[in-house]
């Protein structure tokens, strides 16, 4: 079942049977945006994060894992983790925007704004105090977007993924307090 966010944009929960579609989608949309981070062609990351076992774990344990569909075509993914502590403020109830990836063709068309509102609504339904995410320090456009949308930079961490270029390991925790009306 698809949930419409606008006339053009909808989301649909990813199920294990979607494994191949998910892998193919990510093989299409991840490398153009993130190839510069890796010493290989992103194969290690794609195989590690989107293996059959990882997808099975995501759909069974994570729950909120979606395809982003634009005009009937899968153009991205969205993964949300509720009740996931923000490491810099672990006592506050938090929701994590774990993954948001969109094809290059869809960027700058308001899709992220729709998805962020959906994530914020989920966080509010869960009575979260904080919405947080990770953002590569080298993704300047993404950092600018999140800062513009009320997120603050938290701790700068270093990823330890194999085959990641040493200079590209920096990743910020970013967070924002959720304002209830």
N, C-alpha and C. Protein backbone atom coordinates (compact mmCIF):
# COMPACT_ATOMS: atom_id res chain seq x y z
N UNK A 1 0.83 -1.19 0.00
CA UNK A 1 0.00 0.00 0.00
C UNK A 1 0.88 1.25 0.00
N UNK A 2 0.56 2.16 -0.88
CA UNK A 2 1.32 3.40 -0.97
C UNK A 2 0.63 4.51 -0.18
N UNK A 3 1.44 5.35 0.41
CA UNK A 3 0.96 6.52 1.13
C UNK A 3 1.34 7.74 0.30
N UNK A 4 0.33 8.49 -0.15
CA UNK A 4 0.58 9.68 -0.97
C UNK A 4 1.00 10.85 -0.09
N UNK A 5 2.11 11.48 -0.45
CA UNK A 5 2.56 12.69 0.22
C UNK A 5 2.20 13.93 -0.59
N UNK A 6 1.99 13.75 -1.89
CA UNK A 6 1.57 14.81 -2.81
C UNK A 6 1.03 14.13 -4.06
N UNK A 7 0.64 14.93 -5.05
CA UNK A 7 0.15 14.34 -6.30
C UNK A 7 1.20 13.44 -6.96
N UNK A 8 2.47 13.87 -6.88
CA UNK A 8 3.54 13.14 -7.56
C UNK A 8 4.30 12.18 -6.66
N UNK A 9 4.33 12.45 -5.36
CA UNK A 9 5.21 11.73 -4.44
C UNK A 9 4.42 10.82 -3.51
N UNK A 10 4.86 9.57 -3.42
CA UNK A 10 4.29 8.63 -2.46
C UNK A 10 5.43 7.79 -1.88
N UNK A 11 5.11 7.09 -0.82
CA UNK A 11 6.07 6.16 -0.22
C UNK A 11 5.37 4.82 -0.04
N UNK A 12 6.18 3.76 -0.06
CA UNK A 12 5.66 2.41 0.15
C UNK A 12 6.66 1.65 1.00
N UNK A 13 6.16 0.96 2.04
CA UNK A 13 7.06 0.18 2.88
C UNK A 13 7.82 -0.85 2.06
N UNK A 14 9.08 -0.97 2.36
CA UNK A 14 9.92 -1.98 1.73
C UNK A 14 9.72 -3.29 2.47
N UNK A 15 9.52 -4.34 1.71
CA UNK A 15 9.39 -5.68 2.27
C UNK A 15 10.58 -6.51 1.79
N UNK A 16 10.80 -7.64 2.45
CA UNK A 16 11.94 -8.47 2.07
C UNK A 16 11.88 -8.89 0.61
N UNK A 17 10.69 -9.14 0.10
CA UNK A 17 10.55 -9.55 -1.31
C UNK A 17 11.04 -8.47 -2.28
N UNK A 18 11.21 -7.24 -1.77
CA UNK A 18 11.69 -6.12 -2.58
C UNK A 18 13.21 -6.03 -2.63
N UNK A 19 13.90 -7.01 -2.04
CA UNK A 19 15.35 -6.97 -1.90
C UNK A 19 16.05 -6.59 -3.22
N UNK A 20 15.73 -7.29 -4.31
CA UNK A 20 16.43 -7.03 -5.57
C UNK A 20 16.13 -5.63 -6.10
N UNK A 21 14.87 -5.20 -6.01
CA UNK A 21 14.52 -3.85 -6.45
C UNK A 21 15.29 -2.81 -5.64
N UNK A 22 15.38 -3.02 -4.32
CA UNK A 22 16.12 -2.10 -3.45
C UNK A 22 17.59 -2.05 -3.84
N UNK A 23 18.20 -3.22 -4.02
CA UNK A 23 19.61 -3.26 -4.38
C UNK A 23 19.85 -2.56 -5.72
N UNK A 24 18.98 -2.82 -6.70
CA UNK A 24 19.13 -2.20 -8.02
C UNK A 24 18.94 -0.68 -7.94
N UNK A 25 17.95 -0.24 -7.16
CA UNK A 25 17.73 1.20 -6.99
C UNK A 25 18.96 1.85 -6.37
N UNK A 26 19.46 1.28 -5.29
CA UNK A 26 20.61 1.87 -4.61
C UNK A 26 21.86 1.81 -5.47
N UNK A 27 22.00 0.79 -6.29
CA UNK A 27 23.13 0.70 -7.22
C UNK A 27 23.05 1.80 -8.27
N UNK A 28 21.85 2.29 -8.54
CA UNK A 28 21.65 3.37 -9.51
C UNK A 28 21.84 4.74 -8.87
N UNK A 29 21.31 4.95 -7.64
CA UNK A 29 21.30 6.31 -7.09
C UNK A 29 22.43 6.62 -6.11
N UNK A 30 23.02 5.61 -5.48
CA UNK A 30 24.07 5.89 -4.49
C UNK A 30 25.41 6.31 -5.13
N UNK A 31 25.93 5.56 -6.10
CA UNK A 31 27.27 5.92 -6.64
C UNK A 31 27.40 7.34 -7.19
N UNK A 32 26.43 7.88 -7.93
CA UNK A 32 26.64 9.25 -8.43
C UNK A 32 26.86 10.28 -7.32
N UNK A 33 26.25 10.06 -6.17
CA UNK A 33 26.36 11.03 -5.07
C UNK A 33 27.52 10.75 -4.12
N UNK A 34 27.95 9.50 -4.04
CA UNK A 34 28.90 9.13 -2.99
C UNK A 34 30.16 8.41 -3.48
N UNK A 35 30.33 8.24 -4.77
CA UNK A 35 31.50 7.54 -5.30
C UNK A 35 32.80 8.13 -4.79
N UNK A 36 32.86 9.44 -4.65
CA UNK A 36 34.09 10.13 -4.23
C UNK A 36 34.57 9.71 -2.84
N UNK A 37 33.71 9.06 -2.06
CA UNK A 37 34.07 8.64 -0.70
C UNK A 37 34.85 7.32 -0.67
N UNK A 38 34.78 6.56 -1.74
CA UNK A 38 35.22 5.17 -1.73
C UNK A 38 36.44 4.91 -2.60
N UNK A 39 37.21 3.89 -2.21
CA UNK A 39 38.35 3.46 -3.02
C UNK A 39 37.90 2.48 -4.10
N UNK A 40 36.69 1.94 -3.98
CA UNK A 40 36.15 1.05 -5.00
C UNK A 40 34.99 1.77 -5.70
N UNK A 41 34.14 1.01 -6.37
CA UNK A 41 33.02 1.61 -7.10
C UNK A 41 31.73 1.62 -6.27
N UNK A 42 31.86 1.65 -4.96
CA UNK A 42 30.76 1.62 -3.98
C UNK A 42 30.21 0.22 -3.76
N UNK A 43 30.79 -0.77 -4.43
CA UNK A 43 30.28 -2.14 -4.31
C UNK A 43 30.32 -2.65 -2.88
N UNK A 44 31.41 -2.33 -2.16
CA UNK A 44 31.51 -2.82 -0.78
C UNK A 44 30.35 -2.30 0.04
N UNK A 45 30.11 -1.01 -0.01
CA UNK A 45 29.04 -0.40 0.78
C UNK A 45 27.67 -0.98 0.38
N UNK A 46 27.39 -1.00 -0.91
CA UNK A 46 26.10 -1.50 -1.38
C UNK A 46 25.87 -2.94 -0.96
N UNK A 47 26.90 -3.77 -1.09
CA UNK A 47 26.77 -5.18 -0.71
C UNK A 47 26.63 -5.33 0.81
N UNK A 48 27.35 -4.50 1.55
CA UNK A 48 27.30 -4.58 3.02
C UNK A 48 25.97 -4.07 3.57
N UNK A 49 25.50 -2.94 3.11
CA UNK A 49 24.29 -2.31 3.65
C UNK A 49 23.02 -2.90 3.05
N UNK A 50 23.07 -3.36 1.82
CA UNK A 50 21.88 -3.85 1.14
C UNK A 50 21.95 -5.33 0.79
N UNK A 51 22.72 -6.08 1.57
CA UNK A 51 22.75 -7.54 1.40
C UNK A 51 21.38 -8.11 1.77
N UNK A 52 21.12 -9.32 1.36
CA UNK A 52 19.83 -9.96 1.71
C UNK A 52 19.64 -9.98 3.22
N UNK A 53 20.71 -10.30 3.95
CA UNK A 53 20.62 -10.39 5.41
C UNK A 53 20.34 -9.03 6.04
N UNK A 54 21.02 -7.99 5.53
CA UNK A 54 20.82 -6.64 6.08
C UNK A 54 19.40 -6.15 5.80
N UNK A 55 18.89 -6.40 4.61
CA UNK A 55 17.53 -5.98 4.27
C UNK A 55 16.52 -6.76 5.11
N UNK A 56 16.75 -8.04 5.31
CA UNK A 56 15.85 -8.84 6.16
C UNK A 56 15.82 -8.26 7.57
N UNK A 57 16.98 -7.91 8.10
CA UNK A 57 17.05 -7.31 9.43
C UNK A 57 16.32 -5.96 9.45
N UNK A 58 16.55 -5.14 8.43
CA UNK A 58 15.91 -3.82 8.37
C UNK A 58 14.39 -3.93 8.35
N UNK A 59 13.84 -4.80 7.53
CA UNK A 59 12.38 -4.88 7.42
C UNK A 59 11.75 -5.58 8.61
N UNK A 60 12.49 -6.48 9.25
CA UNK A 60 11.93 -7.19 10.41
C UNK A 60 12.08 -6.41 11.71
N UNK A 61 13.17 -5.67 11.86
CA UNK A 61 13.46 -5.02 13.13
C UNK A 61 13.29 -3.51 13.12
N UNK A 62 13.48 -2.91 12.00
CA UNK A 62 13.45 -1.45 11.94
C UNK A 62 12.03 -0.94 11.70
N UNK A 63 11.29 -1.59 10.83
CA UNK A 63 9.91 -1.24 10.62
C UNK A 63 9.61 -0.12 9.65
N UNK A 64 10.28 1.02 9.76
CA UNK A 64 9.92 2.19 8.96
C UNK A 64 10.95 2.40 7.85
N UNK A 65 10.83 1.61 6.82
CA UNK A 65 11.77 1.59 5.71
C UNK A 65 10.94 1.65 4.43
N UNK A 66 11.12 2.71 3.64
CA UNK A 66 10.23 2.98 2.51
C UNK A 66 10.97 3.23 1.20
N UNK A 67 10.29 2.86 0.11
CA UNK A 67 10.67 3.36 -1.20
C UNK A 67 10.03 4.74 -1.34
N UNK A 68 10.75 5.66 -1.97
CA UNK A 68 10.19 6.96 -2.34
C UNK A 68 9.86 6.84 -3.83
N UNK A 69 8.58 7.06 -4.13
CA UNK A 69 8.08 6.86 -5.50
C UNK A 69 7.61 8.20 -6.05
N UNK A 70 8.13 8.55 -7.21
CA UNK A 70 7.79 9.82 -7.83
C UNK A 70 7.22 9.54 -9.22
N UNK A 71 5.99 9.97 -9.39
CA UNK A 71 5.28 9.71 -10.66
C UNK A 71 5.36 8.24 -11.05
N UNK A 72 5.19 7.37 -10.07
CA UNK A 72 5.14 5.93 -10.31
C UNK A 72 6.49 5.23 -10.40
N UNK A 73 7.59 5.97 -10.26
CA UNK A 73 8.93 5.40 -10.40
C UNK A 73 9.66 5.47 -9.06
N UNK A 74 10.29 4.37 -8.65
CA UNK A 74 11.09 4.36 -7.43
C UNK A 74 12.32 5.23 -7.66
N UNK A 75 12.43 6.31 -6.84
CA UNK A 75 13.52 7.27 -7.02
C UNK A 75 14.34 7.47 -5.75
N UNK A 76 14.04 6.72 -4.69
CA UNK A 76 14.80 6.90 -3.47
C UNK A 76 14.30 5.99 -2.36
N UNK A 77 14.94 6.17 -1.18
CA UNK A 77 14.53 5.42 0.01
C UNK A 77 14.50 6.36 1.20
N UNK A 78 13.75 5.94 2.20
CA UNK A 78 13.63 6.66 3.46
C UNK A 78 13.60 5.61 4.57
N UNK A 79 14.45 5.79 5.57
CA UNK A 79 14.49 4.86 6.70
C UNK A 79 14.47 5.66 7.99
N UNK A 80 13.52 5.33 8.85
CA UNK A 80 13.31 6.04 10.11
C UNK A 80 13.43 5.04 11.26
N UNK A 81 14.13 5.45 12.32
CA UNK A 81 14.22 4.64 13.53
C UNK A 81 13.62 5.43 14.68
N UNK A 82 12.51 4.92 15.21
CA UNK A 82 11.88 5.58 16.35
C UNK A 82 12.52 5.06 17.64
N UNK A 83 12.40 5.85 18.68
CA UNK A 83 12.95 5.48 19.99
C UNK A 83 14.43 5.08 19.90
N UNK A 84 15.17 5.88 19.15
CA UNK A 84 16.61 5.67 18.99
C UNK A 84 17.32 6.87 19.59
N UNK A 85 18.02 6.64 20.68
CA UNK A 85 18.65 7.73 21.43
C UNK A 85 19.62 8.51 20.56
N UNK A 86 19.61 9.82 20.75
CA UNK A 86 20.60 10.69 20.13
C UNK A 86 21.84 10.65 21.01
N UNK A 87 22.98 10.18 20.49
CA UNK A 87 24.17 9.95 21.33
C UNK A 87 24.64 11.16 22.13
N UNK A 88 24.46 12.37 21.59
CA UNK A 88 24.91 13.56 22.31
C UNK A 88 23.96 13.97 23.45
N UNK A 89 22.73 13.46 23.43
CA UNK A 89 21.75 13.75 24.48
C UNK A 89 20.92 12.49 24.73
N UNK A 90 21.54 11.46 25.26
CA UNK A 90 20.90 10.14 25.34
C UNK A 90 19.67 10.05 26.25
N UNK A 91 19.47 11.01 27.13
CA UNK A 91 18.32 10.94 28.03
C UNK A 91 17.03 11.47 27.40
N UNK A 92 17.15 12.14 26.27
CA UNK A 92 15.98 12.68 25.60
C UNK A 92 15.41 11.66 24.62
N UNK A 93 14.10 11.57 24.58
CA UNK A 93 13.44 10.66 23.63
C UNK A 93 13.66 11.18 22.22
N UNK A 94 14.11 10.31 21.33
CA UNK A 94 14.51 10.76 20.00
C UNK A 94 14.06 9.80 18.90
N UNK A 95 13.94 10.38 17.71
CA UNK A 95 13.70 9.64 16.47
C UNK A 95 14.86 9.96 15.55
N UNK A 96 15.31 8.94 14.84
CA UNK A 96 16.45 9.11 13.93
C UNK A 96 16.01 8.97 12.48
N UNK A 97 16.37 9.95 11.68
CA UNK A 97 16.25 9.82 10.23
C UNK A 97 17.51 9.08 9.81
N UNK A 98 17.39 7.77 9.63
CA UNK A 98 18.58 6.95 9.42
C UNK A 98 19.11 7.02 7.98
N UNK A 99 18.21 7.01 7.03
CA UNK A 99 18.66 7.11 5.64
C UNK A 99 17.63 7.87 4.82
N UNK A 100 18.12 8.75 4.00
CA UNK A 100 17.30 9.39 2.98
C UNK A 100 18.20 9.55 1.76
N UNK A 101 17.88 8.81 0.74
CA UNK A 101 18.62 8.87 -0.51
C UNK A 101 17.63 9.11 -1.63
N UNK A 102 17.93 10.07 -2.48
CA UNK A 102 17.10 10.37 -3.64
C UNK A 102 17.98 10.43 -4.88
N UNK A 103 17.40 10.05 -6.02
CA UNK A 103 18.14 10.14 -7.28
C UNK A 103 18.47 11.60 -7.56
N UNK A 104 19.54 11.82 -8.30
CA UNK A 104 19.95 13.18 -8.64
C UNK A 104 18.84 13.94 -9.37
N UNK A 105 18.07 13.22 -10.20
CA UNK A 105 17.03 13.86 -11.00
C UNK A 105 15.91 14.45 -10.13
N UNK A 106 15.73 13.94 -8.93
CA UNK A 106 14.62 14.40 -8.09
C UNK A 106 15.04 15.49 -7.11
N UNK A 107 16.31 15.73 -6.98
CA UNK A 107 16.78 16.70 -6.00
C UNK A 107 16.43 18.12 -6.43
N UNK A 108 16.10 18.95 -5.44
CA UNK A 108 15.75 20.33 -5.71
C UNK A 108 14.31 20.53 -6.17
N UNK A 109 13.47 19.51 -6.02
CA UNK A 109 12.08 19.59 -6.48
C UNK A 109 11.08 19.50 -5.34
N UNK A 110 11.56 19.68 -4.09
CA UNK A 110 10.65 19.69 -2.95
C UNK A 110 10.36 18.33 -2.35
N UNK A 111 10.96 17.27 -2.87
CA UNK A 111 10.70 15.93 -2.35
C UNK A 111 11.24 15.80 -0.93
N UNK A 112 12.45 16.30 -0.69
CA UNK A 112 13.03 16.22 0.65
C UNK A 112 12.16 16.93 1.67
N UNK A 113 11.58 18.04 1.29
CA UNK A 113 10.71 18.79 2.21
C UNK A 113 9.51 17.94 2.61
N UNK A 114 8.89 17.27 1.65
CA UNK A 114 7.75 16.39 1.95
C UNK A 114 8.17 15.25 2.87
N UNK A 115 9.33 14.67 2.58
CA UNK A 115 9.81 13.55 3.39
C UNK A 115 10.16 14.00 4.81
N UNK A 116 10.78 15.17 4.92
CA UNK A 116 11.13 15.69 6.26
C UNK A 116 9.87 15.94 7.08
N UNK A 117 8.81 16.43 6.46
CA UNK A 117 7.57 16.65 7.19
C UNK A 117 6.97 15.32 7.64
N UNK A 118 7.05 14.30 6.79
CA UNK A 118 6.57 12.97 7.14
C UNK A 118 7.36 12.43 8.34
N UNK A 119 8.69 12.56 8.30
CA UNK A 119 9.54 12.09 9.40
C UNK A 119 9.22 12.85 10.68
N UNK A 120 9.06 14.14 10.57
CA UNK A 120 8.73 14.95 11.75
C UNK A 120 7.38 14.52 12.35
N UNK A 121 6.42 14.22 11.50
CA UNK A 121 5.12 13.74 11.99
C UNK A 121 5.27 12.41 12.74
N UNK A 122 6.08 11.51 12.22
CA UNK A 122 6.35 10.23 12.89
C UNK A 122 6.99 10.50 14.26
N UNK A 123 7.97 11.37 14.28
CA UNK A 123 8.66 11.70 15.53
C UNK A 123 7.68 12.27 16.55
N UNK A 124 6.79 13.14 16.11
CA UNK A 124 5.81 13.74 17.01
C UNK A 124 4.81 12.70 17.53
N UNK A 125 4.39 11.78 16.66
CA UNK A 125 3.48 10.72 17.10
C UNK A 125 4.13 9.85 18.16
N UNK A 126 5.45 9.78 18.14
CA UNK A 126 6.19 8.99 19.12
C UNK A 126 6.64 9.83 20.32
N UNK A 127 6.16 11.07 20.38
CA UNK A 127 6.49 11.98 21.48
C UNK A 127 7.98 12.21 21.65
N UNK A 128 8.69 12.22 20.53
CA UNK A 128 10.14 12.46 20.57
C UNK A 128 10.41 13.93 20.89
N UNK A 129 11.50 14.15 21.59
CA UNK A 129 11.96 15.51 21.88
C UNK A 129 12.95 15.99 20.82
N UNK A 130 13.63 15.02 20.20
CA UNK A 130 14.70 15.33 19.25
C UNK A 130 14.52 14.48 17.99
N UNK A 131 14.79 15.11 16.84
CA UNK A 131 14.94 14.40 15.58
C UNK A 131 16.40 14.54 15.20
N UNK A 132 17.05 13.42 14.88
CA UNK A 132 18.48 13.50 14.56
C UNK A 132 18.82 12.64 13.36
N UNK A 133 20.01 12.90 12.82
CA UNK A 133 20.49 12.19 11.63
C UNK A 133 22.01 12.28 11.58
N UNK A 134 22.58 11.57 10.63
CA UNK A 134 24.01 11.64 10.34
C UNK A 134 24.18 12.33 8.99
N UNK A 135 25.22 13.13 8.85
CA UNK A 135 25.49 13.79 7.56
C UNK A 135 27.00 13.85 7.35
N UNK A 136 27.43 13.36 6.21
CA UNK A 136 28.85 13.39 5.87
C UNK A 136 29.34 14.84 5.87
N UNK A 137 30.49 15.09 6.47
CA UNK A 137 31.01 16.46 6.53
C UNK A 137 31.40 16.99 5.16
N UNK A 138 31.57 16.10 4.20
CA UNK A 138 31.94 16.52 2.85
C UNK A 138 30.72 16.75 1.95
N UNK A 139 29.52 16.50 2.45
CA UNK A 139 28.29 16.73 1.68
C UNK A 139 27.77 18.13 2.00
N UNK A 140 28.41 19.13 1.43
CA UNK A 140 28.12 20.53 1.76
C UNK A 140 26.68 20.93 1.45
N UNK A 141 26.14 20.43 0.35
CA UNK A 141 24.76 20.76 -0.01
C UNK A 141 23.79 20.19 1.03
N UNK A 142 24.03 18.97 1.48
CA UNK A 142 23.16 18.35 2.49
C UNK A 142 23.30 19.09 3.83
N UNK A 143 24.52 19.41 4.22
CA UNK A 143 24.73 20.15 5.47
C UNK A 143 23.98 21.48 5.43
N UNK A 144 24.08 22.18 4.32
CA UNK A 144 23.39 23.47 4.17
C UNK A 144 21.88 23.27 4.27
N UNK A 145 21.37 22.23 3.64
CA UNK A 145 19.93 21.95 3.68
C UNK A 145 19.46 21.70 5.12
N UNK A 146 20.19 20.85 5.84
CA UNK A 146 19.77 20.52 7.21
C UNK A 146 19.88 21.74 8.13
N UNK A 147 20.94 22.51 7.99
CA UNK A 147 21.08 23.72 8.81
C UNK A 147 19.94 24.71 8.52
N UNK A 148 19.60 24.86 7.25
CA UNK A 148 18.50 25.74 6.85
C UNK A 148 17.17 25.27 7.44
N UNK A 149 17.06 23.97 7.68
CA UNK A 149 15.82 23.40 8.20
C UNK A 149 15.86 23.17 9.71
N UNK A 150 16.73 23.92 10.39
CA UNK A 150 16.69 23.96 11.85
C UNK A 150 17.56 22.95 12.57
N UNK A 151 18.31 22.14 11.84
CA UNK A 151 19.20 21.19 12.49
C UNK A 151 20.47 21.90 12.93
N UNK A 152 21.07 21.38 13.98
CA UNK A 152 22.34 21.89 14.48
C UNK A 152 23.39 20.79 14.35
N UNK A 153 24.63 21.22 14.15
CA UNK A 153 25.72 20.25 14.12
C UNK A 153 26.00 19.78 15.54
N UNK A 154 26.14 18.48 15.67
CA UNK A 154 26.56 17.90 16.93
C UNK A 154 27.98 17.39 16.78
N UNK A 155 28.27 16.28 17.39
CA UNK A 155 29.60 15.68 17.37
C UNK A 155 30.02 15.29 15.95
N UNK A 156 31.28 15.55 15.63
CA UNK A 156 31.87 15.07 14.38
C UNK A 156 32.53 13.74 14.68
N UNK A 157 32.10 12.70 13.98
CA UNK A 157 32.61 11.34 14.18
C UNK A 157 33.40 10.90 12.96
N UNK A 158 34.03 9.75 13.07
CA UNK A 158 34.79 9.16 11.98
C UNK A 158 34.21 7.78 11.68
N UNK A 159 33.81 7.57 10.43
CA UNK A 159 33.32 6.25 10.02
C UNK A 159 34.49 5.29 9.86
N UNK A 160 34.25 4.04 10.19
CA UNK A 160 35.33 3.06 10.07
C UNK A 160 35.05 2.01 9.00
N UNK A 161 34.19 2.35 8.02
CA UNK A 161 33.89 1.41 6.95
C UNK A 161 35.16 1.08 6.16
N UNK A 162 35.27 -0.19 5.79
CA UNK A 162 36.35 -0.60 4.92
C UNK A 162 36.23 0.15 3.59
N UNK A 163 37.32 0.40 2.95
CA UNK A 163 37.40 1.00 1.62
C UNK A 163 36.94 2.45 1.54
N UNK A 164 36.64 3.06 2.68
CA UNK A 164 36.31 4.48 2.70
C UNK A 164 37.61 5.27 2.65
N UNK A 165 37.69 6.28 1.81
CA UNK A 165 38.88 7.11 1.71
C UNK A 165 39.08 7.82 3.04
N UNK A 166 40.31 7.81 3.54
CA UNK A 166 40.60 8.37 4.87
C UNK A 166 40.09 9.79 5.06
N UNK A 167 40.26 10.64 4.06
CA UNK A 167 39.85 12.04 4.18
C UNK A 167 38.33 12.20 4.16
N UNK A 168 37.61 11.11 3.86
CA UNK A 168 36.16 11.19 3.71
C UNK A 168 35.41 10.47 4.82
N UNK A 169 36.03 10.30 5.95
CA UNK A 169 35.41 9.55 7.04
C UNK A 169 34.58 10.40 7.99
N UNK A 170 34.64 11.72 7.87
CA UNK A 170 33.95 12.60 8.80
C UNK A 170 32.44 12.59 8.61
N UNK A 171 31.71 12.42 9.71
CA UNK A 171 30.25 12.41 9.67
C UNK A 171 29.72 13.08 10.93
N UNK A 172 28.86 14.07 10.72
CA UNK A 172 28.27 14.80 11.84
C UNK A 172 27.00 14.12 12.33
N UNK A 173 26.82 14.13 13.64
CA UNK A 173 25.49 13.96 14.19
C UNK A 173 24.84 15.33 14.03
N UNK A 174 23.62 15.36 13.54
CA UNK A 174 22.87 16.62 13.45
C UNK A 174 21.53 16.40 14.13
N UNK A 175 21.02 17.45 14.76
CA UNK A 175 19.80 17.29 15.54
C UNK A 175 18.99 18.58 15.58
N UNK A 176 17.72 18.40 15.90
CA UNK A 176 16.87 19.55 16.14
C UNK A 176 15.84 19.17 17.17
N UNK A 177 15.50 20.13 18.01
CA UNK A 177 14.43 19.90 18.98
C UNK A 177 13.11 19.98 18.26
N UNK A 178 12.21 19.11 18.65
CA UNK A 178 10.90 19.08 18.02
C UNK A 178 10.00 20.07 18.77
N UNK A 179 9.39 20.94 18.01
CA UNK A 179 8.51 21.95 18.59
C UNK A 179 7.06 21.50 18.44
N UNK A 180 6.39 21.39 19.55
CA UNK A 180 4.98 21.01 19.55
C UNK A 180 4.14 22.29 19.70
N UNK A 181 3.09 22.38 18.89
CA UNK A 181 2.23 23.57 18.94
C UNK A 181 1.31 23.54 20.15
